[in-house]
Amino acid sequence: MTINERAEKAVELKNSGMYNCAQSVTAALSDMTDLSEEQLKHISAGFCAGMGNLEATCGALIGAGMIAGLKTEGKGTLGITRQMQEEFSRRCGAIKCKDLKAMTDGKPLCPCEDCVRNAVMIFGETMGI
């Protein structure tokens, strides 16, 4: 599966109403880990609505960071997640859920579907996939 296909899978999962932003990203990237999609869905369940409904860091970005940690076995993950945060902010305009959902001219700065798609794409680009 290509990174583009994974990104679209993440959007489909998010739009299904059965996955939050973090879960959508981790599930779409699950085949890159030793954990099952279901295990990742459980692990990432509390990271929606900006880190447990605090409107802080976007769950999609947190999900990508979780998979990066699994993929790198924790080696160099801090630098990788920093790169992902910077690119996510550049593409989406912010990294905090509250800011991403802020309405301007009747629409959010970056809709959840775009956050999920961007998080998966940025993960792939940063990890060289």
N, C-alpha and C. Protein backbone atom coordinates (compact mmCIF):
# COMPACT_ATOMS: atom_id res chain seq x y z
N MET A 1 0.86 -1.18 0.00
CA MET A 1 0.00 0.00 0.00
C MET A 1 0.90 1.24 0.00
N THR A 2 0.59 2.18 -0.88
CA THR A 2 1.39 3.41 -0.95
C THR A 2 1.01 4.36 0.20
N ILE A 3 1.84 5.35 0.41
CA ILE A 3 1.54 6.33 1.47
C ILE A 3 0.28 7.12 1.12
N ASN A 4 0.04 7.36 -0.16
CA ASN A 4 -1.19 8.05 -0.58
C ASN A 4 -2.41 7.20 -0.26
N GLU A 5 -2.32 5.90 -0.51
CA GLU A 5 -3.42 5.00 -0.18
C GLU A 5 -3.65 4.94 1.33
N ARG A 6 -2.57 4.94 2.09
CA ARG A 6 -2.70 4.95 3.55
C ARG A 6 -3.37 6.24 4.02
N ALA A 7 -2.99 7.36 3.40
CA ALA A 7 -3.58 8.66 3.78
C ALA A 7 -5.09 8.64 3.51
N GLU A 8 -5.49 8.10 2.37
CA GLU A 8 -6.92 8.04 2.05
C GLU A 8 -7.65 7.06 2.95
N LYS A 9 -6.98 5.97 3.33
CA LYS A 9 -7.58 5.03 4.28
C LYS A 9 -7.83 5.73 5.61
N ALA A 10 -6.86 6.54 6.05
CA ALA A 10 -7.03 7.28 7.31
C ALA A 10 -8.24 8.21 7.24
N VAL A 11 -8.42 8.88 6.12
CA VAL A 11 -9.58 9.77 5.95
C VAL A 11 -10.87 8.96 5.99
N GLU A 12 -10.90 7.83 5.31
CA GLU A 12 -12.09 6.97 5.32
C GLU A 12 -12.42 6.50 6.75
N LEU A 13 -11.40 6.10 7.49
CA LEU A 13 -11.62 5.66 8.87
C LEU A 13 -12.16 6.79 9.72
N LYS A 14 -11.59 7.97 9.58
CA LYS A 14 -12.07 9.14 10.33
C LYS A 14 -13.51 9.44 9.98
N ASN A 15 -13.83 9.42 8.71
CA ASN A 15 -15.19 9.74 8.26
C ASN A 15 -16.21 8.67 8.61
N SER A 16 -15.74 7.47 8.96
CA SER A 16 -16.66 6.39 9.33
C SER A 16 -17.35 6.65 10.66
N GLY A 17 -16.78 7.54 11.47
CA GLY A 17 -17.33 7.82 12.79
C GLY A 17 -16.92 6.79 13.84
N MET A 18 -16.15 5.81 13.45
CA MET A 18 -15.72 4.75 14.36
C MET A 18 -14.30 4.97 14.87
N TYR A 19 -13.58 5.95 14.31
CA TYR A 19 -12.19 6.23 14.66
C TYR A 19 -12.03 7.73 14.89
N ASN A 20 -11.25 8.09 15.91
CA ASN A 20 -10.91 9.50 16.08
C ASN A 20 -9.68 9.80 15.20
N CYS A 21 -9.17 11.01 15.26
CA CYS A 21 -8.05 11.39 14.39
C CYS A 21 -6.80 10.56 14.67
N ALA A 22 -6.44 10.38 15.92
CA ALA A 22 -5.26 9.59 16.27
C ALA A 22 -5.43 8.14 15.85
N GLN A 23 -6.60 7.59 16.11
CA GLN A 23 -6.87 6.21 15.74
C GLN A 23 -6.83 6.01 14.23
N SER A 24 -7.33 6.97 13.48
CA SER A 24 -7.34 6.88 12.02
C SER A 24 -5.92 6.78 11.47
N VAL A 25 -5.04 7.60 12.02
CA VAL A 25 -3.65 7.60 11.55
C VAL A 25 -2.94 6.32 11.97
N THR A 26 -3.07 5.92 13.22
CA THR A 26 -2.37 4.71 13.66
C THR A 26 -2.90 3.47 12.93
N ALA A 27 -4.20 3.41 12.70
CA ALA A 27 -4.77 2.26 12.00
C ALA A 27 -4.30 2.21 10.55
N ALA A 28 -4.25 3.36 9.91
CA ALA A 28 -3.82 3.40 8.50
C ALA A 28 -2.36 3.01 8.35
N LEU A 29 -1.58 3.17 9.39
CA LEU A 29 -0.16 2.85 9.35
C LEU A 29 0.18 1.57 10.12
N SER A 30 -0.84 0.84 10.54
CA SER A 30 -0.63 -0.32 11.41
C SER A 30 0.25 -1.40 10.79
N ASP A 31 0.21 -1.55 9.47
CA ASP A 31 1.01 -2.58 8.85
C ASP A 31 2.51 -2.28 8.90
N MET A 32 2.86 -1.11 9.37
CA MET A 32 4.27 -0.74 9.51
C MET A 32 4.79 -1.05 10.91
N THR A 33 3.95 -1.68 11.73
CA THR A 33 4.32 -2.00 13.11
C THR A 33 4.09 -3.48 13.38
N ASP A 34 4.48 -3.90 14.57
CA ASP A 34 4.22 -5.28 15.00
C ASP A 34 2.90 -5.40 15.74
N LEU A 35 2.19 -4.28 15.89
CA LEU A 35 0.91 -4.29 16.58
C LEU A 35 -0.23 -4.37 15.57
N SER A 36 -1.35 -4.89 16.03
CA SER A 36 -2.51 -4.98 15.15
C SER A 36 -3.22 -3.62 15.07
N GLU A 37 -4.04 -3.49 14.06
CA GLU A 37 -4.85 -2.27 13.93
C GLU A 37 -5.71 -2.08 15.18
N GLU A 38 -6.28 -3.15 15.68
CA GLU A 38 -7.13 -3.07 16.88
C GLU A 38 -6.34 -2.63 18.11
N GLN A 39 -5.13 -3.15 18.29
CA GLN A 39 -4.29 -2.74 19.42
C GLN A 39 -3.95 -1.25 19.31
N LEU A 40 -3.60 -0.81 18.12
CA LEU A 40 -3.28 0.61 17.93
C LEU A 40 -4.50 1.48 18.14
N LYS A 41 -5.66 0.99 17.75
CA LYS A 41 -6.90 1.73 17.97
C LYS A 41 -7.13 1.94 19.47
N HIS A 42 -6.85 0.92 20.27
CA HIS A 42 -7.00 1.04 21.72
C HIS A 42 -5.97 1.99 22.32
N ILE A 43 -4.72 1.86 21.90
CA ILE A 43 -3.64 2.69 22.44
C ILE A 43 -3.88 4.17 22.16
N SER A 44 -4.40 4.47 20.99
CA SER A 44 -4.56 5.87 20.58
C SER A 44 -5.94 6.45 20.89
N ALA A 45 -6.78 5.69 21.57
CA ALA A 45 -8.17 6.11 21.82
C ALA A 45 -8.27 7.42 22.60
N GLY A 46 -7.37 7.69 23.51
CA GLY A 46 -7.49 8.88 24.36
C GLY A 46 -6.87 10.14 23.79
N PHE A 47 -6.41 10.09 22.55
CA PHE A 47 -5.70 11.23 22.00
C PHE A 47 -6.49 12.00 20.95
N CYS A 48 -7.80 12.05 21.15
CA CYS A 48 -8.65 12.80 20.22
C CYS A 48 -8.93 14.20 20.79
N ALA A 49 -9.48 15.03 19.95
CA ALA A 49 -9.88 16.39 20.34
C ALA A 49 -8.75 17.14 21.03
N GLY A 50 -7.57 16.98 20.48
CA GLY A 50 -6.43 17.71 21.00
C GLY A 50 -5.94 17.20 22.33
N MET A 51 -5.46 15.95 22.33
CA MET A 51 -4.86 15.34 23.52
C MET A 51 -5.88 15.16 24.63
N GLY A 52 -6.81 14.29 24.40
CA GLY A 52 -7.79 13.97 25.43
C GLY A 52 -8.80 15.07 25.67
N ASN A 53 -9.25 15.71 24.60
CA ASN A 53 -10.28 16.74 24.64
C ASN A 53 -9.81 18.05 25.29
N LEU A 54 -8.51 18.28 25.29
CA LEU A 54 -7.97 19.54 25.84
C LEU A 54 -7.75 20.59 24.76
N GLU A 55 -8.06 20.24 23.52
CA GLU A 55 -7.84 21.12 22.37
C GLU A 55 -6.37 21.50 22.21
N ALA A 56 -5.48 20.59 22.60
CA ALA A 56 -4.04 20.83 22.48
C ALA A 56 -3.54 20.19 21.18
N THR A 57 -2.42 19.48 21.22
CA THR A 57 -1.83 18.92 20.02
C THR A 57 -2.82 18.02 19.27
N CYS A 58 -2.88 18.20 17.97
CA CYS A 58 -3.79 17.44 17.10
C CYS A 58 -3.54 15.94 17.25
N GLY A 59 -4.61 15.19 17.41
CA GLY A 59 -4.53 13.74 17.55
C GLY A 59 -3.90 13.06 16.35
N ALA A 60 -4.14 13.58 15.15
CA ALA A 60 -3.54 13.00 13.95
C ALA A 60 -2.02 13.06 14.02
N LEU A 61 -1.51 14.17 14.47
CA LEU A 61 -0.07 14.35 14.62
C LEU A 61 0.48 13.44 15.72
N ILE A 62 -0.26 13.30 16.81
CA ILE A 62 0.15 12.40 17.89
C ILE A 62 0.19 10.96 17.37
N GLY A 63 -0.81 10.56 16.60
CA GLY A 63 -0.83 9.22 16.03
C GLY A 63 0.39 8.95 15.15
N ALA A 64 0.75 9.91 14.33
CA ALA A 64 1.93 9.76 13.48
C ALA A 64 3.19 9.63 14.33
N GLY A 65 3.26 10.40 15.42
CA GLY A 65 4.40 10.30 16.33
C GLY A 65 4.48 8.95 17.01
N MET A 66 3.33 8.39 17.35
CA MET A 66 3.29 7.05 17.97
C MET A 66 3.88 6.01 17.02
N ILE A 67 3.47 6.06 15.77
CA ILE A 67 3.96 5.09 14.79
C ILE A 67 5.44 5.31 14.53
N ALA A 68 5.88 6.56 14.51
CA ALA A 68 7.31 6.85 14.34
C ALA A 68 8.11 6.22 15.48
N GLY A 69 7.59 6.31 16.70
CA GLY A 69 8.28 5.71 17.84
C GLY A 69 8.37 4.20 17.72
N LEU A 70 7.31 3.57 17.25
CA LEU A 70 7.34 2.12 17.05
C LEU A 70 8.30 1.74 15.92
N LYS A 71 8.25 2.51 14.85
CA LYS A 71 9.08 2.22 13.68
C LYS A 71 10.57 2.39 13.98
N THR A 72 10.93 3.38 14.78
CA THR A 72 12.34 3.66 15.08
C THR A 72 12.80 2.98 16.36
N GLU A 73 11.87 2.30 17.04
CA GLU A 73 12.16 1.70 18.35
C GLU A 73 12.68 2.75 19.32
N GLY A 74 12.18 3.96 19.16
CA GLY A 74 12.52 5.06 20.06
C GLY A 74 13.84 5.75 19.78
N LYS A 75 14.56 5.29 18.80
CA LYS A 75 15.88 5.87 18.49
C LYS A 75 15.72 7.02 17.50
N GLY A 76 15.98 8.24 17.97
CA GLY A 76 15.86 9.41 17.11
C GLY A 76 14.44 9.90 16.91
N THR A 77 13.52 9.35 17.67
CA THR A 77 12.11 9.69 17.47
C THR A 77 11.82 11.15 17.79
N LEU A 78 12.49 11.70 18.77
CA LEU A 78 12.25 13.10 19.13
C LEU A 78 12.52 14.03 17.95
N GLY A 79 13.63 13.83 17.28
CA GLY A 79 13.95 14.65 16.11
C GLY A 79 12.97 14.44 14.97
N ILE A 80 12.55 13.20 14.79
CA ILE A 80 11.59 12.88 13.73
C ILE A 80 10.25 13.55 14.02
N THR A 81 9.78 13.45 15.26
CA THR A 81 8.48 14.07 15.57
C THR A 81 8.58 15.59 15.48
N ARG A 82 9.72 16.14 15.79
CA ARG A 82 9.91 17.59 15.65
C ARG A 82 9.78 18.00 14.18
N GLN A 83 10.40 17.23 13.30
CA GLN A 83 10.29 17.50 11.86
C GLN A 83 8.84 17.40 11.41
N MET A 84 8.14 16.37 11.89
CA MET A 84 6.74 16.20 11.51
C MET A 84 5.90 17.36 12.02
N GLN A 85 6.14 17.81 13.23
CA GLN A 85 5.39 18.94 13.79
C GLN A 85 5.59 20.19 12.95
N GLU A 86 6.83 20.46 12.58
CA GLU A 86 7.12 21.67 11.80
C GLU A 86 6.43 21.63 10.44
N GLU A 87 6.48 20.48 9.77
CA GLU A 87 5.84 20.36 8.46
C GLU A 87 4.32 20.40 8.58
N PHE A 88 3.79 19.75 9.61
CA PHE A 88 2.34 19.77 9.85
C PHE A 88 1.87 21.21 10.07
N SER A 89 2.60 21.96 10.86
CA SER A 89 2.24 23.36 11.11
C SER A 89 2.30 24.18 9.82
N ARG A 90 3.29 23.90 9.01
CA ARG A 90 3.42 24.62 7.74
C ARG A 90 2.23 24.32 6.82
N ARG A 91 1.86 23.05 6.72
CA ARG A 91 0.77 22.66 5.81
C ARG A 91 -0.61 23.01 6.35
N CYS A 92 -0.79 22.82 7.64
CA CYS A 92 -2.13 22.97 8.22
C CYS A 92 -2.36 24.35 8.85
N GLY A 93 -1.30 25.06 9.15
CA GLY A 93 -1.43 26.39 9.74
C GLY A 93 -1.32 26.42 11.25
N ALA A 94 -1.28 25.26 11.89
CA ALA A 94 -1.19 25.16 13.35
C ALA A 94 -0.98 23.69 13.70
N ILE A 95 -0.69 23.41 14.99
CA ILE A 95 -0.64 22.02 15.44
C ILE A 95 -1.64 21.76 16.57
N LYS A 96 -2.21 22.81 17.13
CA LYS A 96 -3.19 22.64 18.20
C LYS A 96 -4.59 22.48 17.62
N CYS A 97 -5.31 21.50 18.15
CA CYS A 97 -6.66 21.21 17.68
C CYS A 97 -7.55 22.47 17.74
N LYS A 98 -7.46 23.19 18.81
CA LYS A 98 -8.29 24.40 18.98
C LYS A 98 -8.06 25.38 17.84
N ASP A 99 -6.79 25.56 17.46
CA ASP A 99 -6.45 26.49 16.38
C ASP A 99 -6.86 25.92 15.01
N LEU A 100 -6.69 24.62 14.84
CA LEU A 100 -7.04 23.97 13.57
C LEU A 100 -8.54 24.02 13.31
N LYS A 101 -9.33 23.94 14.38
CA LYS A 101 -10.79 23.95 14.25
C LYS A 101 -11.39 25.36 14.29
N ALA A 102 -10.55 26.36 14.53
CA ALA A 102 -11.05 27.74 14.58
C ALA A 102 -11.68 28.12 13.25
N MET A 103 -12.86 28.69 13.32
CA MET A 103 -13.60 29.02 12.12
C MET A 103 -13.18 30.39 11.56
N THR A 104 -12.93 30.40 10.26
CA THR A 104 -12.62 31.62 9.53
C THR A 104 -13.46 31.58 8.26
N ASP A 105 -14.25 32.59 8.07
CA ASP A 105 -15.14 32.63 6.90
C ASP A 105 -16.01 31.38 6.81
N GLY A 106 -16.48 30.89 7.96
CA GLY A 106 -17.39 29.76 7.99
C GLY A 106 -16.78 28.38 7.84
N LYS A 107 -15.45 28.30 7.80
CA LYS A 107 -14.82 26.99 7.70
C LYS A 107 -13.59 26.94 8.62
N PRO A 108 -13.22 25.72 9.05
CA PRO A 108 -12.07 25.60 9.94
C PRO A 108 -10.76 25.87 9.21
N LEU A 109 -9.75 26.25 9.98
CA LEU A 109 -8.43 26.47 9.40
C LEU A 109 -7.98 25.22 8.64
N CYS A 110 -8.14 24.06 9.27
CA CYS A 110 -7.79 22.80 8.62
C CYS A 110 -8.74 21.73 9.13
N PRO A 111 -9.65 21.25 8.30
CA PRO A 111 -10.61 20.22 8.72
C PRO A 111 -9.89 18.94 9.16
N CYS A 112 -10.55 18.18 10.02
CA CYS A 112 -9.96 16.93 10.54
C CYS A 112 -9.50 16.01 9.42
N GLU A 113 -10.28 15.90 8.36
CA GLU A 113 -9.90 15.02 7.26
C GLU A 113 -8.55 15.43 6.67
N ASP A 114 -8.33 16.72 6.54
CA ASP A 114 -7.05 17.20 6.00
C ASP A 114 -5.93 16.99 7.01
N CYS A 115 -6.21 17.14 8.29
CA CYS A 115 -5.20 16.89 9.32
C CYS A 115 -4.74 15.44 9.28
N VAL A 116 -5.71 14.53 9.18
CA VAL A 116 -5.41 13.10 9.14
C VAL A 116 -4.60 12.77 7.89
N ARG A 117 -5.05 13.27 6.76
CA ARG A 117 -4.34 13.02 5.49
C ARG A 117 -2.92 13.58 5.57
N ASN A 118 -2.78 14.81 6.03
CA ASN A 118 -1.46 15.43 6.12
C ASN A 118 -0.55 14.69 7.09
N ALA A 119 -1.07 14.25 8.21
CA ALA A 119 -0.25 13.54 9.19
C ALA A 119 0.34 12.26 8.60
N VAL A 120 -0.47 11.51 7.86
CA VAL A 120 0.01 10.28 7.23
C VAL A 120 1.04 10.61 6.15
N MET A 121 0.75 11.59 5.31
CA MET A 121 1.67 11.96 4.25
C MET A 121 3.01 12.45 4.81
N ILE A 122 2.94 13.28 5.83
CA ILE A 122 4.16 13.81 6.45
C ILE A 122 4.95 12.69 7.11
N PHE A 123 4.26 11.75 7.75
CA PHE A 123 4.94 10.59 8.32
C PHE A 123 5.74 9.89 7.22
N GLY A 124 5.08 9.61 6.11
CA GLY A 124 5.73 8.91 5.00
C GLY A 124 6.93 9.67 4.46
N GLU A 125 6.77 10.95 4.29
CA GLU A 125 7.86 11.78 3.76
C GLU A 125 9.03 11.83 4.74
N THR A 126 8.72 12.02 6.01
CA THR A 126 9.76 12.14 7.02
C THR A 126 10.52 10.82 7.21
N MET A 127 9.79 9.73 7.14
CA MET A 127 10.38 8.40 7.33
C MET A 127 10.96 7.82 6.03
N GLY A 128 10.80 8.54 4.94
CA GLY A 128 11.34 8.08 3.66
C GLY A 128 10.60 6.90 3.06
N ILE A 129 9.29 6.90 3.25
CA ILE A 129 8.47 5.78 2.75
C ILE A 129 7.78 6.18 1.46
